[in-house]
Amino acid sequence: MMTDTYLQALLGGMLLGLGASLLMLANGKIAGISGITHQALRSLTSSPSGWRWCFLVGLIVAPLLVAPFGLTLPDAIPGSMWVLAAGGLLVGIGTRVGSGCTSGHGICGIGRLSKRSIVATLTFMATAIATVTVTRHLL
């Protein structure tokens, strides 16, 4: 039912906001996935950062924990592996160029009223809208 989809999105958004707020209050850190992943991988050769690894493991384990309650991820992602790999590469480049990802800018930055994050999020959204328009309606 469509109402269930909206309720799941609302609950998910509230949990993201709560998690980002708790991370900021407890550690003074921004919950930007690209930055957390980058620093976690850097910690393999430098100082330890256990909380980052716990955060990343939580991203993987959380869907498994909520699956018994009927909350699931899509079973399949449309597109070839090449398209997905190219998209992932472009997203990775974009996070470096944009000094952060959608979670860091969109969730945390806007919550802190960062002008840079507001502009970055508007850019993400405009690009996503243009991409969907071209791929679903023009091609």
C-alpha atoms as a PDB file:
ATOM      1  CA  MET A   1       0.000   0.000   0.000  1.00  0.00           C
ATOM      2  CA  MET A   2       1.271   3.489  -0.847  1.00  0.00           C
ATOM      3  CA  THR A   3       0.632   4.795   2.668  1.00  0.00           C
ATOM      4  CA  ASP A   4       3.034   2.177   4.020  1.00  0.00           C
ATOM      5  CA  THR A   5       5.738   3.471   1.668  1.00  0.00           C
ATOM      6  CA  TYR A   6       5.283   7.008   2.936  1.00  0.00           C
ATOM      7  CA  LEU A   7       5.289   5.878   6.554  1.00  0.00           C
ATOM      8  CA  GLN A   8       8.466   3.858   6.003  1.00  0.00           C
ATOM      9  CA  ALA A   9      10.105   6.889   4.369  1.00  0.00           C
ATOM     10  CA  LEU A  10       9.002   9.113   7.254  1.00  0.00           C
ATOM     11  CA  LEU A  11      10.291   6.668   9.850  1.00  0.00           C
ATOM     12  CA  GLY A  12      13.562   6.244   7.949  1.00  0.00           C
ATOM     13  CA  GLY A  13      14.038   9.996   7.696  1.00  0.00           C
ATOM     14  CA  MET A  14      13.349  10.453  11.391  1.00  0.00           C
ATOM     15  CA  LEU A  15      15.855   7.727  12.278  1.00  0.00           C
ATOM     16  CA  LEU A  16      18.481   9.286   9.998  1.00  0.00           C
ATOM     17  CA  GLY A  17      17.972  12.661  11.652  1.00  0.00           C
ATOM     18  CA  LEU A  18      18.113  11.127  15.115  1.00  0.00           C
ATOM     19  CA  GLY A  19      21.273   9.174  14.298  1.00  0.00           C
ATOM     20  CA  ALA A  20      22.985  12.217  12.776  1.00  0.00           C
ATOM     21  CA  SER A  21      22.010  14.340  15.776  1.00  0.00           C
ATOM     22  CA  LEU A  22      23.279  11.766  18.257  1.00  0.00           C
ATOM     23  CA  LEU A  23      26.599  11.432  16.425  1.00  0.00           C
ATOM     24  CA  MET A  24      27.012  15.220  16.441  1.00  0.00           C
ATOM     25  CA  LEU A  25      26.058  15.520  20.120  1.00  0.00           C
ATOM     26  CA  ALA A  26      28.106  12.532  21.323  1.00  0.00           C
ATOM     27  CA  ASN A  27      31.228  12.862  19.147  1.00  0.00           C
ATOM     28  CA  GLY A  28      30.989  16.254  17.496  1.00  0.00           C
ATOM     29  CA  LYS A  29      31.181  14.448  14.131  1.00  0.00           C
ATOM     30  CA  ILE A  30      29.134  14.859  10.966  1.00  0.00           C
ATOM     31  CA  ALA A  31      27.382  11.717   9.694  1.00  0.00           C
ATOM     32  CA  GLY A  32      28.621  12.014   6.114  1.00  0.00           C
ATOM     33  CA  ILE A  33      29.043   8.510   4.729  1.00  0.00           C
ATOM     34  CA  SER A  34      31.803   9.386   2.250  1.00  0.00           C
ATOM     35  CA  GLY A  35      33.894  11.110   4.921  1.00  0.00           C
ATOM     36  CA  ILE A  36      33.340   8.327   7.452  1.00  0.00           C
ATOM     37  CA  THR A  37      34.272   5.681   4.867  1.00  0.00           C
ATOM     38  CA  HIS A  38      37.361   7.614   3.749  1.00  0.00           C
ATOM     39  CA  GLN A  39      38.601   8.073   7.306  1.00  0.00           C
ATOM     40  CA  ALA A  40      37.848   4.449   8.236  1.00  0.00           C
ATOM     41  CA  LEU A  41      39.913   3.217   5.296  1.00  0.00           C
ATOM     42  CA  ARG A  42      42.719   5.643   6.176  1.00  0.00           C
ATOM     43  CA  SER A  43      42.708   4.305   9.736  1.00  0.00           C
ATOM     44  CA  LEU A  44      43.962   0.972   8.393  1.00  0.00           C
ATOM     45  CA  THR A  45      47.384   2.592   8.023  1.00  0.00           C
ATOM     46  CA  SER A  46      47.201   5.260  10.720  1.00  0.00           C
ATOM     47  CA  SER A  47      45.334   5.949  13.950  1.00  0.00           C
ATOM     48  CA  PRO A  48      42.403   3.690  14.847  1.00  0.00           C
ATOM     49  CA  SER A  49      38.849   4.955  14.488  1.00  0.00           C
ATOM     50  CA  GLY A  50      36.609   2.197  15.799  1.00  0.00           C
ATOM     51  CA  TRP A  51      33.446   4.258  15.860  1.00  0.00           C
ATOM     52  CA  ARG A  52      33.663   4.747  12.079  1.00  0.00           C
ATOM     53  CA  TRP A  53      33.896   0.994  11.478  1.00  0.00           C
ATOM     54  CA  CYS A  54      30.942   0.423  13.827  1.00  0.00           C
ATOM     55  CA  PHE A  55      28.962   3.041  11.890  1.00  0.00           C
ATOM     56  CA  LEU A  56      29.736   1.347   8.555  1.00  0.00           C
ATOM     57  CA  VAL A  57      28.922  -2.129   9.890  1.00  0.00           C
ATOM     58  CA  GLY A  58      25.634  -0.713  11.172  1.00  0.00           C
ATOM     59  CA  LEU A  59      24.743   0.436   7.648  1.00  0.00           C
ATOM     60  CA  ILE A  60      25.114  -3.142   6.450  1.00  0.00           C
ATOM     61  CA  VAL A  61      23.543  -4.903   9.435  1.00  0.00           C
ATOM     62  CA  ALA A  62      20.531  -2.606   9.922  1.00  0.00           C
ATOM     63  CA  PRO A  63      18.514  -3.910   6.938  1.00  0.00           C
ATOM     64  CA  LEU A  64      19.041  -7.453   8.202  1.00  0.00           C
ATOM     65  CA  LEU A  65      17.702  -6.505  11.627  1.00  0.00           C
ATOM     66  CA  VAL A  66      14.518  -4.866  10.313  1.00  0.00           C
ATOM     67  CA  ALA A  67      13.741  -7.464   7.615  1.00  0.00           C
ATOM     68  CA  PRO A  68      11.652  -9.606  10.026  1.00  0.00           C
ATOM     69  CA  PHE A  69       9.354  -6.590  10.484  1.00  0.00           C
ATOM     70  CA  GLY A  70       8.615  -6.386   6.760  1.00  0.00           C
ATOM     71  CA  LEU A  71      10.982  -3.506   6.000  1.00  0.00           C
ATOM     72  CA  THR A  72      13.162  -4.574   3.089  1.00  0.00           C
ATOM     73  CA  LEU A  73      15.446  -3.207   0.417  1.00  0.00           C
ATOM     74  CA  PRO A  74      14.784  -3.692  -3.292  1.00  0.00           C
ATOM     75  CA  ASP A  75      15.542  -7.210  -4.534  1.00  0.00           C
ATOM     76  CA  ALA A  76      17.165  -5.993  -7.735  1.00  0.00           C
ATOM     77  CA  ILE A  77      18.654  -2.812  -9.114  1.00  0.00           C
ATOM     78  CA  PRO A  78      17.911  -2.151 -12.782  1.00  0.00           C
ATOM     79  CA  GLY A  79      20.904  -1.643 -15.035  1.00  0.00           C
ATOM     80  CA  SER A  80      24.050  -3.482 -15.951  1.00  0.00           C
ATOM     81  CA  MET A  81      27.037  -3.869 -13.660  1.00  0.00           C
ATOM     82  CA  TRP A  82      28.969  -1.475 -15.929  1.00  0.00           C
ATOM     83  CA  VAL A  83      26.373   1.239 -15.498  1.00  0.00           C
ATOM     84  CA  LEU A  84      26.323   0.702 -11.726  1.00  0.00           C
ATOM     85  CA  ALA A  85      30.140   0.763 -11.569  1.00  0.00           C
ATOM     86  CA  ALA A  86      30.289   3.945 -13.662  1.00  0.00           C
ATOM     87  CA  GLY A  87      27.621   5.535 -11.462  1.00  0.00           C
ATOM     88  CA  GLY A  88      29.534   4.595  -8.328  1.00  0.00           C
ATOM     89  CA  LEU A  89      32.739   6.050  -9.748  1.00  0.00           C
ATOM     90  CA  LEU A  90      30.985   9.297 -10.669  1.00  0.00           C
ATOM     91  CA  VAL A  91      29.424   9.529  -7.203  1.00  0.00           C
ATOM     92  CA  GLY A  92      32.843   8.970  -5.631  1.00  0.00           C
ATOM     93  CA  ILE A  93      34.391  11.711  -7.759  1.00  0.00           C
ATOM     94  CA  GLY A  94      31.476  14.001  -6.957  1.00  0.00           C
ATOM     95  CA  THR A  95      31.894  13.532  -3.216  1.00  0.00           C
ATOM     96  CA  ARG A  96      35.537  14.569  -3.469  1.00  0.00           C
ATOM     97  CA  VAL A  97      34.809  17.561  -5.718  1.00  0.00           C
ATOM     98  CA  GLY A  98      31.795  18.605  -3.633  1.00  0.00           C
ATOM     99  CA  SER A  99      33.610  18.121  -0.305  1.00  0.00           C
ATOM    100  CA  GLY A 100      31.028  15.649   0.924  1.00  0.00           C
ATOM    101  CA  CYS A 101      28.098  13.472   0.031  1.00  0.00           C
ATOM    102  CA  THR A 102      24.337  13.773   0.147  1.00  0.00           C
ATOM    103  CA  SER A 103      24.181  12.544   3.728  1.00  0.00           C
ATOM    104  CA  GLY A 104      26.808  14.982   4.996  1.00  0.00           C
ATOM    105  CA  HIS A 105      25.448  17.994   3.131  1.00  0.00           C
ATOM    106  CA  GLY A 106      21.756  17.093   2.912  1.00  0.00           C
ATOM    107  CA  ILE A 107      21.126  15.774   6.390  1.00  0.00           C
ATOM    108  CA  CYS A 108      23.798  17.344   8.553  1.00  0.00           C
ATOM    109  CA  GLY A 109      24.745  20.480   6.625  1.00  0.00           C
ATOM    110  CA  ILE A 110      21.227  21.737   6.080  1.00  0.00           C
ATOM    111  CA  GLY A 111      20.455  20.995   9.738  1.00  0.00           C
ATOM    112  CA  ARG A 112      23.374  23.267  10.665  1.00  0.00           C
ATOM    113  CA  LEU A 113      22.134  25.900   8.150  1.00  0.00           C
ATOM    114  CA  SER A 114      25.392  25.673   6.186  1.00  0.00           C
ATOM    115  CA  LYS A 115      25.084  27.777   3.021  1.00  0.00           C
ATOM    116  CA  ARG A 116      27.603  25.531   1.239  1.00  0.00           C
ATOM    117  CA  SER A 117      25.565  22.441   2.119  1.00  0.00           C
ATOM    118  CA  ILE A 118      22.310  24.035   0.998  1.00  0.00           C
ATOM    119  CA  VAL A 119      23.864  24.884  -2.396  1.00  0.00           C
ATOM    120  CA  ALA A 120      25.403  21.390  -2.644  1.00  0.00           C
ATOM    121  CA  THR A 121      22.063  19.721  -1.845  1.00  0.00           C
ATOM    122  CA  LEU A 122      20.215  21.852  -4.384  1.00  0.00           C
ATOM    123  CA  THR A 123      22.858  20.832  -6.937  1.00  0.00           C
ATOM    124  CA  PHE A 124      22.452  17.126  -6.037  1.00  0.00           C
ATOM    125  CA  MET A 125      18.693  17.353  -6.371  1.00  0.00           C
ATOM    126  CA  ALA A 126      18.753  19.290  -9.671  1.00  0.00           C
ATOM    127  CA  THR A 127      21.224  16.760 -11.105  1.00  0.00           C
ATOM    128  CA  ALA A 128      19.077  13.836  -9.950  1.00  0.00           C
ATOM    129  CA  ILE A 129      15.947  15.371 -11.466  1.00  0.00           C
ATOM    130  CA  ALA A 130      17.754  16.018 -14.765  1.00  0.00           C
ATOM    131  CA  THR A 131      19.177  12.474 -14.814  1.00  0.00           C
ATOM    132  CA  VAL A 132      15.804  10.854 -14.233  1.00  0.00           C
ATOM    133  CA  THR A 133      14.159  13.123 -16.818  1.00  0.00           C
ATOM    134  CA  VAL A 134      16.743  12.238 -19.466  1.00  0.00           C
ATOM    135  CA  THR A 135      16.986   8.501 -18.741  1.00  0.00           C
ATOM    136  CA  ARG A 136      13.271   7.824 -18.236  1.00  0.00           C
ATOM    137  CA  HIS A 137      11.605  10.293 -20.553  1.00  0.00           C
ATOM    138  CA  LEU A 138      14.011  11.357 -23.289  1.00  0.00           C
ATOM    139  CA  LEU A 139      16.053   8.239 -24.088  1.00  0.00           C
END
